[in-house]
Protein backbone atom coordinates (compact mmCIF):
# COMPACT_ATOMS: atom_id res chain seq x y z
CA MET A 1 0.00 -0.11 0.16
CA SER A 2 1.33 3.39 -1.02
CA GLN A 3 2.24 5.81 1.92
CA PRO A 4 -0.18 8.94 2.32
CA VAL A 5 1.37 11.97 0.63
CA ASP A 6 2.33 13.86 3.45
CA SER A 7 4.28 10.83 5.05
CA ALA A 8 6.02 10.23 1.54
CA VAL A 9 7.13 14.02 1.51
CA SER A 10 8.38 13.69 5.01
CA ALA A 11 10.42 10.50 4.36
CA VAL A 12 11.81 12.12 1.43
CA ARG A 13 12.96 15.06 3.22
CA THR A 14 14.48 13.35 6.39
CA TYR A 15 16.51 11.43 3.82
CA VAL A 16 17.67 14.36 2.09
CA GLN A 17 18.57 16.35 5.29
CA GLN A 18 20.48 12.94 6.44
CA HIS A 19 22.57 13.06 3.49
CA ARG A 20 22.92 16.94 2.78
CA ALA A 21 26.55 17.19 4.36
CA ALA A 22 28.09 14.50 2.32
CA PHE A 23 25.89 15.37 -0.95
CA LEU A 24 27.65 18.97 -0.59
CA ASP A 25 31.04 17.59 0.13
CA ASP A 26 30.78 15.74 -3.12
CA LEU A 27 29.72 18.50 -5.27
CA ALA A 28 32.42 20.94 -3.74
CA GLU A 29 34.96 18.55 -5.01
CA TRP A 30 33.49 18.47 -8.43
CA LEU A 31 33.40 22.07 -8.57
CA ARG A 32 37.01 22.25 -7.78
CA ILE A 33 37.78 20.83 -11.08
CA PRO A 34 38.25 23.89 -13.35
CA SER A 35 36.33 22.43 -16.34
CA VAL A 36 36.54 25.37 -18.84
CA SER A 37 35.33 24.22 -22.08
CA ALA A 38 36.55 27.35 -24.06
CA GLN A 39 40.19 27.26 -22.76
CA PRO A 40 42.47 24.88 -24.41
CA ASP A 41 44.91 24.78 -21.23
CA HIS A 42 41.94 23.19 -19.36
CA ALA A 43 41.25 20.10 -21.69
CA SER A 44 42.76 17.97 -19.23
CA ASP A 45 40.45 19.08 -16.55
CA VAL A 46 37.30 19.08 -18.73
CA ARG A 47 38.24 15.13 -19.08
CA ARG A 48 38.87 14.90 -15.54
CA SER A 49 35.56 16.02 -14.65
CA ALA A 50 33.91 13.70 -16.87
CA ASP A 51 35.88 11.04 -15.39
CA TRP A 52 34.89 12.20 -11.61
CA LEU A 53 31.33 12.33 -12.70
CA ALA A 54 31.28 9.05 -14.18
CA ALA A 55 32.74 7.59 -11.02
CA ARG A 56 30.35 9.13 -8.83
CA LEU A 57 27.31 7.93 -10.95
CA LYS A 58 28.58 4.42 -10.67
CA GLU A 59 28.82 5.09 -6.83
CA THR A 60 25.20 6.32 -6.86
CA GLY A 61 24.02 3.11 -8.23
CA PHE A 62 23.95 3.68 -12.23
CA PRO A 63 24.73 0.19 -13.82
CA THR A 64 26.07 1.97 -16.96
CA ALA A 65 28.21 5.35 -16.69
CA GLU A 66 30.55 6.08 -19.38
CA VAL A 67 32.44 8.76 -21.02
CA TRP A 68 31.65 9.69 -24.64
CA GLN A 69 34.64 11.03 -26.45
CA THR A 70 33.91 13.94 -29.21
CA PRO A 71 36.27 15.85 -31.61
CA GLY A 72 35.95 18.36 -28.68
CA ALA A 73 35.48 17.71 -25.01
CA PRO A 74 33.84 14.47 -23.63
CA ALA A 75 30.30 13.70 -22.25
CA VAL A 76 28.82 11.58 -19.95
CA TYR A 77 26.11 8.97 -20.46
CA ALA A 78 24.56 6.56 -17.44
CA GLU A 79 21.72 4.63 -17.46
CA TRP A 80 19.71 2.79 -15.00
CA PRO A 81 17.05 0.50 -16.19
CA SER A 82 13.73 0.11 -14.22
CA ASP A 83 12.58 -3.31 -12.94
CA ASP A 84 9.57 -2.64 -14.94
CA PRO A 85 9.95 -3.16 -18.60
CA GLY A 86 6.97 -1.21 -19.34
CA ALA A 87 8.19 2.07 -17.77
CA PRO A 88 8.72 4.97 -19.54
CA THR A 89 12.39 6.16 -20.44
CA VAL A 90 13.67 9.52 -19.37
CA LEU A 91 17.04 11.29 -20.44
CA VAL A 92 18.11 13.99 -18.12
CA TYR A 93 20.46 16.44 -19.85
CA GLY A 94 22.72 18.82 -18.39
CA HIS A 95 26.62 19.84 -18.74
CA HIS A 96 29.72 19.75 -16.69
CA ASP A 97 31.84 22.27 -18.41
CA VAL A 98 31.93 25.77 -17.06
CA GLN A 99 32.62 29.35 -18.05
CA PRO A 100 36.34 30.88 -17.51
CA ALA A 101 36.73 32.41 -14.09
CA ALA A 102 39.42 34.01 -12.24
CA ARG A 103 39.69 36.01 -8.74
CA GLU A 104 41.05 39.24 -10.41
CA ASP A 105 37.46 39.12 -12.56
CA GLY A 106 35.93 40.00 -9.19
CA TRP A 107 35.26 37.30 -7.07
CA ASP A 108 35.28 37.76 -3.67
CA SER A 109 36.99 34.19 -3.17
CA GLU A 110 38.79 31.81 -5.54
CA PRO A 111 36.35 30.70 -7.99
CA PHE A 112 37.04 26.91 -8.12
CA GLU A 113 37.46 26.73 -4.33
CA PRO A 114 33.66 26.49 -3.24
CA VAL A 115 32.87 28.46 -0.16
CA VAL A 116 29.30 28.82 1.95
CA ARG A 117 28.41 31.97 3.01
CA GLY A 118 25.22 31.82 4.87
CA ASN A 119 22.80 29.48 3.01
CA ARG A 120 24.94 30.12 -0.24
CA LEU A 121 27.34 27.98 -1.94
CA TYR A 122 29.81 30.03 -4.26
CA ALA A 123 31.68 28.64 -7.04
CA ARG A 124 31.98 28.52 -10.69
CA GLY A 125 29.22 25.81 -11.97
CA ALA A 126 27.46 25.81 -8.55
CA ALA A 127 24.35 26.78 -10.48
CA ASP A 128 25.34 26.46 -14.01
CA ASP A 129 25.45 23.62 -14.34
CA LYS A 130 27.13 21.06 -11.98
CA GLY A 131 24.75 21.93 -8.74
CA GLN A 132 21.74 21.20 -11.18
CA VAL A 133 23.25 17.98 -12.75
CA PHE A 134 24.28 16.93 -9.40
CA PHE A 135 21.11 17.32 -7.39
CA HIS A 136 19.48 14.35 -9.55
CA THR A 137 22.20 11.80 -8.04
CA LEU A 138 20.88 12.61 -4.29
CA GLY A 139 17.33 12.56 -5.82
CA VAL A 140 17.17 9.03 -7.28
CA ARG A 141 18.84 7.71 -4.12
CA ALA A 142 15.98 9.38 -2.11
CA HIS A 143 13.48 7.81 -4.41
CA LEU A 144 14.71 4.33 -4.00
CA ALA A 145 15.28 4.67 -0.08
CA THR A 146 11.65 5.82 0.50
CA THR A 147 9.67 3.47 -1.81
CA GLY A 148 11.83 0.49 -1.09
CA ARG A 149 12.72 0.05 -4.79
CA THR A 150 16.01 -1.11 -5.80
CA ALA A 151 15.71 0.72 -9.34
CA PRO A 152 13.94 3.63 -10.61
CA ALA A 153 10.19 3.90 -11.35
CA VAL A 154 11.39 4.72 -14.77
CA HIS A 155 14.38 3.78 -17.25
CA LEU A 156 16.67 6.72 -16.32
CA LYS A 157 19.09 7.92 -18.64
CA LEU A 158 21.46 10.86 -18.21
CA LEU A 159 23.59 12.77 -20.84
CA VAL A 160 25.91 15.48 -19.43
CA GLU A 161 27.71 17.03 -22.28
CA GLY A 162 31.23 18.92 -22.00
CA GLU A 163 30.98 21.69 -24.62
CA GLU A 164 27.80 23.73 -23.75
CA GLU A 165 29.84 26.63 -22.69
CA SER A 166 31.52 26.68 -26.06
CA GLY A 167 28.24 26.60 -28.23
CA SER A 168 27.72 22.54 -28.31
CA PRO A 169 29.75 22.51 -31.58
CA HIS A 170 29.65 18.47 -31.54
CA PHE A 171 26.69 17.85 -29.53
CA ARG A 172 24.04 17.33 -32.31
CA ALA A 173 26.52 14.87 -33.97
CA LEU A 174 26.73 12.97 -30.90
CA VAL A 175 23.01 12.59 -30.24
CA GLU A 176 22.78 11.42 -33.79
CA GLN A 177 25.79 8.95 -33.54
CA HIS A 178 24.00 7.31 -30.17
CA ALA A 179 20.22 7.96 -30.79
CA ASP A 180 19.82 4.45 -30.13
CA ARG A 181 21.05 4.55 -26.77
CA LEU A 182 19.60 7.96 -26.11
CA ALA A 183 16.21 7.08 -27.13
CA ALA A 184 13.68 8.22 -24.60
CA ASP A 185 9.94 9.01 -24.18
CA ALA A 186 10.62 12.53 -22.36
CA VAL A 187 14.00 14.57 -21.92
CA ILE A 188 14.33 16.54 -18.68
CA VAL A 189 16.73 19.50 -19.06
CA SER A 190 18.26 20.65 -15.88
CA ASP A 191 20.06 23.65 -17.25
CA THR A 192 17.72 26.48 -16.54
CA GLY A 193 15.99 28.41 -13.66
CA MET A 194 13.20 29.58 -12.23
CA TRP A 195 11.07 33.10 -11.91
CA SER A 196 12.37 33.87 -8.18
CA GLU A 197 12.91 31.97 -4.77
CA ASP A 198 9.06 32.64 -4.03
CA THR A 199 7.88 31.78 -7.49
CA PRO A 200 8.51 28.23 -8.64
CA THR A 201 8.16 27.97 -12.48
CA VAL A 202 8.40 25.41 -15.12
CA CYS A 203 9.83 26.54 -18.47
CA THR A 204 8.03 24.96 -21.34
CA GLY A 205 9.73 26.29 -24.56
CA MET A 206 12.78 27.69 -25.94
CA ARG A 207 13.21 29.75 -28.90
CA GLY A 208 15.21 28.54 -31.73
CA LEU A 209 17.88 30.62 -33.72
CA ALA A 210 19.20 31.40 -37.17
CA GLU A 211 22.09 33.74 -37.88
CA CYS A 212 23.58 35.22 -41.06
CA GLU A 213 25.59 37.93 -42.39
CA ILE A 214 25.09 39.57 -45.52
CA ARG A 215 27.95 41.11 -47.51
CA LEU A 216 27.44 43.86 -49.98
CA TYR A 217 29.62 44.89 -52.76
CA GLY A 218 29.70 47.79 -54.99
CA PRO A 219 32.68 49.60 -56.51
CA ASP A 220 35.73 47.24 -56.77
CA GLN A 221 37.66 49.64 -54.52
CA ASP A 222 36.61 52.87 -52.61
CA ILE A 223 36.13 55.63 -54.55
CA HIS A 224 35.97 59.51 -54.41
CA SER A 225 32.55 60.54 -53.39
CA GLY A 226 32.75 63.87 -55.18
CA SER A 227 33.85 62.54 -58.39
CA PHE A 228 31.18 59.43 -58.35
CA GLY A 229 28.73 59.90 -55.37
CA GLY A 230 25.38 60.14 -56.28
CA ALA A 231 25.85 58.42 -59.40
CA VAL A 232 26.84 54.98 -58.70
CA PRO A 233 25.31 52.75 -56.19
CA ASN A 234 26.73 52.82 -52.54
CA PRO A 235 26.93 49.61 -50.71
CA ALA A 236 26.62 51.21 -47.47
CA THR A 237 23.44 53.01 -48.33
CA ALA A 238 22.10 49.76 -49.44
CA ALA A 239 22.79 48.18 -46.22
CA ALA A 240 21.07 50.75 -44.08
CA ARG A 241 17.92 50.40 -46.53
CA LEU A 242 17.91 46.69 -46.16
CA VAL A 243 18.10 47.07 -42.40
CA ALA A 244 15.41 49.77 -42.35
CA ALA A 245 13.00 47.32 -44.43
CA LEU A 246 13.27 44.48 -41.90
CA HIS A 247 10.61 45.50 -39.75
CA ASP A 248 7.00 47.21 -40.85
CA GLU A 249 5.56 50.30 -38.69
CA HIS A 250 4.06 47.60 -36.23
CA ALA A 251 7.62 46.26 -35.58
CA ARG A 252 6.57 42.94 -37.28
CA VAL A 253 9.25 41.17 -39.41
CA ALA A 254 8.26 42.24 -43.03
CA ILE A 255 10.12 39.22 -44.76
CA PRO A 256 7.35 37.51 -46.91
CA GLY A 257 6.63 33.95 -45.59
CA PHE A 258 8.57 34.67 -41.94
CA TYR A 259 5.47 33.77 -39.70
CA ASP A 260 4.70 30.68 -41.63
CA GLY A 261 3.69 27.99 -39.43
CA VAL A 262 4.37 29.97 -36.14
CA VAL A 263 2.22 28.32 -32.97
CA GLU A 264 0.42 31.45 -31.68
CA LEU A 265 -0.09 31.86 -27.77
CA THR A 266 -3.34 30.63 -26.31
CA ASP A 267 -5.38 32.74 -24.01
CA ARG A 268 -4.75 30.38 -21.51
CA GLU A 269 -1.06 31.06 -22.03
CA ARG A 270 -1.26 34.58 -22.24
CA GLU A 271 -3.19 34.36 -18.89
CA LEU A 272 -0.47 32.42 -17.27
CA PHE A 273 2.15 34.69 -18.40
CA ALA A 274 0.16 38.01 -16.90
CA GLN A 275 0.11 35.89 -13.74
CA LEU A 276 4.04 36.24 -12.94
CA PRO A 277 5.06 38.96 -11.02
CA PHE A 278 6.67 40.90 -13.91
CA ASP A 279 8.00 44.58 -13.02
CA GLU A 280 8.75 46.00 -16.32
CA GLN A 281 10.64 48.80 -14.80
CA GLN A 282 12.89 46.52 -13.18
CA TRP A 283 13.53 44.67 -16.20
CA LEU A 284 14.37 47.35 -17.97
CA ARG A 285 17.12 48.43 -15.38
CA THR A 286 18.48 44.87 -15.84
CA ALA A 287 18.50 45.37 -19.61
CA LYS A 288 20.38 48.69 -19.23
CA SER A 289 17.47 50.06 -21.67
CA HIS A 290 15.68 53.24 -21.47
CA GLY A 291 12.48 51.99 -23.25
CA THR A 292 10.53 48.83 -24.65
CA LEU A 293 9.91 48.28 -28.17
CA GLY A 294 8.46 45.45 -30.07
CA GLU A 295 5.76 43.71 -31.86
CA ALA A 296 2.33 45.47 -31.49
CA GLY A 297 -0.19 43.70 -29.74
CA TYR A 298 2.35 41.63 -27.41
CA SER A 299 3.47 42.28 -23.90
CA THR A 300 7.19 42.24 -23.03
CA LEU A 301 7.23 38.79 -21.68
CA GLU A 302 5.14 37.48 -24.70
CA ARG A 303 7.62 39.51 -27.34
CA ILE A 304 10.70 37.81 -25.74
CA TRP A 305 9.14 34.30 -25.06
CA ALA A 306 6.65 33.44 -27.48
CA ARG A 307 7.22 35.82 -30.54
CA PRO A 308 9.73 35.40 -33.63
CA THR A 309 12.06 38.33 -33.78
CA ALA A 310 14.74 39.73 -36.39
CA GLU A 311 17.54 41.71 -34.76
CA VAL A 312 20.53 43.50 -36.40
CA ASN A 313 23.82 42.35 -34.35
CA GLY A 314 26.06 44.22 -36.56
CA ILE A 315 26.13 46.95 -39.49
CA GLY A 316 29.31 48.35 -40.81
CA GLY A 317 30.86 49.82 -44.28
CA GLY A 318 33.03 52.21 -45.42
CA TYR A 319 35.33 54.50 -43.32
CA GLN A 320 35.48 54.05 -39.61
CA GLY A 321 38.45 56.16 -38.21
CA PRO A 322 38.80 59.70 -36.84
CA GLY A 323 37.68 62.58 -39.11
CA SER A 324 36.10 62.24 -42.38
CA LYS A 325 37.15 60.34 -45.70
CA THR A 326 34.80 61.36 -48.62
CA ILE A 327 34.64 57.85 -50.31
CA VAL A 328 31.82 55.61 -51.69
CA PRO A 329 32.95 52.61 -49.92
CA SER A 330 33.35 49.21 -52.13
CA SER A 331 31.49 47.00 -49.64
CA ALA A 332 29.28 47.03 -46.54
CA MET A 333 27.92 44.14 -44.46
CA VAL A 334 25.03 43.24 -42.17
CA LYS A 335 24.85 40.73 -39.28
CA LEU A 336 21.30 39.65 -38.41
CA SER A 337 19.73 36.92 -35.87
CA PHE A 338 16.35 35.49 -36.22
CA ARG A 339 14.71 33.96 -32.95
CA LEU A 340 12.23 31.38 -33.68
CA VAL A 341 9.20 29.80 -32.02
CA ALA A 342 7.22 26.68 -32.20
CA GLY A 343 6.33 25.89 -35.82
CA GLN A 344 8.91 27.55 -37.71
CA ASP A 345 11.38 25.86 -39.68
CA PRO A 346 14.82 27.33 -39.78
CA GLU A 347 15.80 26.15 -43.11
CA GLN A 348 12.55 27.64 -44.13
CA VAL A 349 13.17 30.79 -42.44
CA ALA A 350 16.59 31.30 -44.01
CA GLN A 351 15.11 30.58 -47.87
CA ALA A 352 12.75 33.29 -47.05
CA VAL A 353 15.61 35.72 -46.16
CA ARG A 354 17.46 34.86 -49.21
CA ASP A 355 14.51 35.26 -51.36
CA TRP A 356 13.88 38.61 -49.82
CA VAL A 357 17.29 40.43 -49.92
CA PRO A 358 17.86 40.55 -53.63
CA GLY A 359 14.61 42.95 -53.70
CA GLN A 360 16.04 45.22 -51.39
CA VAL A 361 19.50 45.56 -53.08
CA PRO A 362 19.61 47.92 -56.22
CA ASP A 363 21.14 46.89 -59.49
CA GLY A 364 24.77 47.28 -59.55
CA ILE A 365 25.34 45.96 -55.76
CA ARG A 366 26.42 42.47 -55.53
CA HIS A 367 25.35 40.57 -52.30
CA GLU A 368 26.39 37.39 -50.30
CA ILE A 369 24.52 35.74 -47.68
CA ALA A 370 26.21 33.07 -45.10
CA PHE A 371 24.01 31.19 -42.65
CA SER A 372 25.51 29.56 -39.58
CA PRO A 373 24.23 26.24 -38.33
CA ALA A 374 20.67 26.85 -37.04
CA THR A 375 19.00 25.71 -33.37
CA ARG A 376 15.21 24.59 -33.79
CA PRO A 377 12.72 25.97 -31.38
CA CYS A 378 11.14 23.55 -28.81
CA LEU A 379 7.67 23.77 -26.99
CA THR A 380 5.75 21.21 -24.79
CA PRO A 381 2.06 21.80 -24.49
CA LEU A 382 0.81 22.65 -20.94
CA ASP A 383 -1.40 19.47 -21.01
CA HIS A 384 1.44 17.23 -21.70
CA PRO A 385 1.45 14.37 -18.98
CA ALA A 386 5.33 14.50 -18.64
CA LEU A 387 4.95 18.23 -18.28
CA GLN A 388 2.30 17.89 -15.50
CA SER A 389 4.58 15.24 -13.62
CA VAL A 390 7.40 18.00 -13.37
CA VAL A 391 4.82 20.46 -12.16
CA ARG A 392 3.39 18.09 -9.54
CA ALA A 393 6.97 16.91 -8.59
CA MET A 394 8.05 20.46 -7.94
CA SER A 395 4.90 21.63 -6.26
CA ARG A 396 5.46 18.97 -3.81
CA ALA A 397 8.93 20.00 -3.04
CA PHE A 398 8.00 23.85 -2.92
CA ASP A 399 4.65 23.49 -1.33
CA ALA A 400 3.46 26.00 -3.49
CA PRO A 401 1.67 26.30 -7.02
CA VAL A 402 4.09 26.00 -9.87
CA ARG A 403 3.82 28.85 -12.69
CA PHE A 404 5.07 28.48 -16.22
CA THR A 405 7.37 30.24 -18.08
CA ARG A 406 9.38 30.18 -21.45
CA GLU A 407 13.03 30.98 -22.31
CA GLY A 408 13.92 33.65 -24.98
CA GLY A 409 17.31 32.38 -25.73
CA SER A 410 17.99 28.95 -27.41
CA GLY A 411 20.23 26.00 -26.49
CA PRO A 412 21.08 22.26 -27.45
CA ALA A 413 17.82 21.21 -25.96
CA ALA A 414 15.91 21.48 -29.35
CA ASP A 415 18.72 18.85 -30.74
CA LEU A 416 17.31 16.23 -28.45
CA GLN A 417 13.89 17.05 -29.36
CA ASP A 418 14.43 17.06 -32.96
CA VAL A 419 16.82 13.72 -33.24
CA LEU A 420 15.01 11.77 -30.66
CA GLY A 421 11.30 12.65 -31.41
CA ALA A 422 10.66 13.28 -27.75
CA PRO A 423 8.96 16.30 -25.85
CA VAL A 424 11.57 18.35 -23.62
CA LEU A 425 10.77 19.50 -20.06
CA PHE A 426 12.71 21.86 -18.01
CA LEU A 427 13.62 21.20 -14.35
CA GLY A 428 15.73 23.93 -12.82
CA ILE A 429 16.03 25.58 -9.64
CA SER A 430 18.68 28.37 -10.11
CA VAL A 431 17.25 32.04 -9.61
CA PRO A 432 18.21 35.30 -11.64
CA SER A 433 20.49 36.21 -8.74
CA ASP A 434 22.76 33.19 -8.86
CA GLY A 435 25.09 35.15 -11.25
CA TRP A 436 25.50 32.38 -14.16
CA HIS A 437 28.76 33.59 -16.30
CA ALA A 438 29.50 36.26 -13.73
CA PRO A 439 31.76 36.43 -10.81
CA ASN A 440 30.67 35.18 -7.53
CA GLU A 441 28.30 32.82 -9.43
CA LYS A 442 26.57 30.93 -6.64
CA VAL A 443 23.58 28.56 -5.72
CA GLU A 444 20.80 28.86 -2.90
CA LEU A 445 20.99 25.77 -0.66
CA ASP A 446 17.45 25.42 -0.03
CA LEU A 447 16.71 25.65 -3.38
CA LEU A 448 19.10 23.09 -4.51
CA LEU A 449 17.74 20.54 -1.95
CA LYS A 450 13.93 21.39 -3.40
CA GLY A 451 15.95 20.17 -6.74
CA VAL A 452 17.12 16.96 -4.95
CA GLU A 453 13.21 16.73 -3.49
CA THR A 454 11.60 17.48 -6.88
CA SER A 455 13.89 14.72 -8.63
CA ALA A 456 12.89 12.28 -5.91
CA TYR A 457 9.33 12.82 -6.16
CA LEU A 458 9.36 12.82 -10.18
CA TRP A 459 10.33 9.40 -11.17
CA GLY A 460 7.47 7.62 -9.68
CA ASP A 461 4.99 10.53 -10.59
CA LEU A 462 6.28 9.88 -14.12
CA ALA A 463 5.76 6.17 -14.02
CA GLU A 464 2.49 6.33 -12.77
CA HIS A 465 0.79 9.12 -14.82
CA TRP A 466 2.57 8.22 -18.11
CA ARG A 467 1.24 4.51 -17.98
CA HIS A 468 -2.46 6.18 -17.48
CA ALA A 469 -1.97 8.68 -20.11
CA THR A 470 -1.00 6.10 -22.64
């Protein structure tokens, strides 16, 4: 007979508190490894971090824990099958590499020597992402200890990459290479955060990304603007006109076909976004901006979470030095990025841009467009059974209702959704003040242990409700 909910929660919390000290000691040991993937001098440390994690996952109980090599930094894969062959399979994603950090950057202590001050653990990687990966180790142990199981209620897999902070250049190829072993019914991404300490939230999606550089060529060399200006096309002027044509008067992207397939916000989603305690003036201060601007008819949160955008990331051409140089420049360039939402295909968007640009360029100007590898958007419907399991588990851990957010940025989670064909859910406990990528990165210890609790509740909930849903 299953325990009443209150006794089950009490049992998990007791177990977590009993093992808190050892858990934090182990995490601190991992945080001492400076696994900075962006710096070649730390390549051996990134490997050491992967080896350390694989060994700890073995100690946790995972029968399989392997270091997977890539052309860059190694990833870690682990698997723990359920005793129930009909249980769902869940893949947890995170990363073990970290951003560069040095004391002289403004840290109050050595970034790779973890320090607890009050209820906060300070170290590079404490929140992004070692702490959020590691809470699953104690979480699964609490799940087993408080349910009497010898294996998780789900077929549990972990994939912890080593190049996320370097742009995940080899991640998609790694997932494609090991797609059979990584196959899952759902993916849990623990590399995200919550709205605030007082408002637990679950992210339901991330935008995709397409980037391009457009180069415009006019005269074969810079030429005298007095002798030739006004009589030949100027590539810098063409670049300015192209950028000006990118949006209409309502701040909508003016490229034909750009919005094809966009999954519109539902009334319920807009209502849930509006319930969040959003302070637009505080947000503006964080953005270091003096005003808001965006697609008409949408709130600020809707614009950055659920609407596609086109941004000018750079524009240049002609003389840039002091004083004047009266020329018609021979070339100019524009760098554009497009944040994409569910329903948009990056390749289709790229083709729409390629079709649009020639009509913005005058005769006598030659252009070239180069797109970088794209990231697809991902979105999980609010009523998806796996998402509801995450919400219930987090609500039990926090003793509070859970609200919903999305992420305006982009990440490798979409590759998992795309290659594996599985819904992506986000389980993170970090808060904005944790200072990802900044000096004095930290994690709130109470929230870290709430992550442990959520993980402990999640696997049983998923196993039970997935079966009912399917």
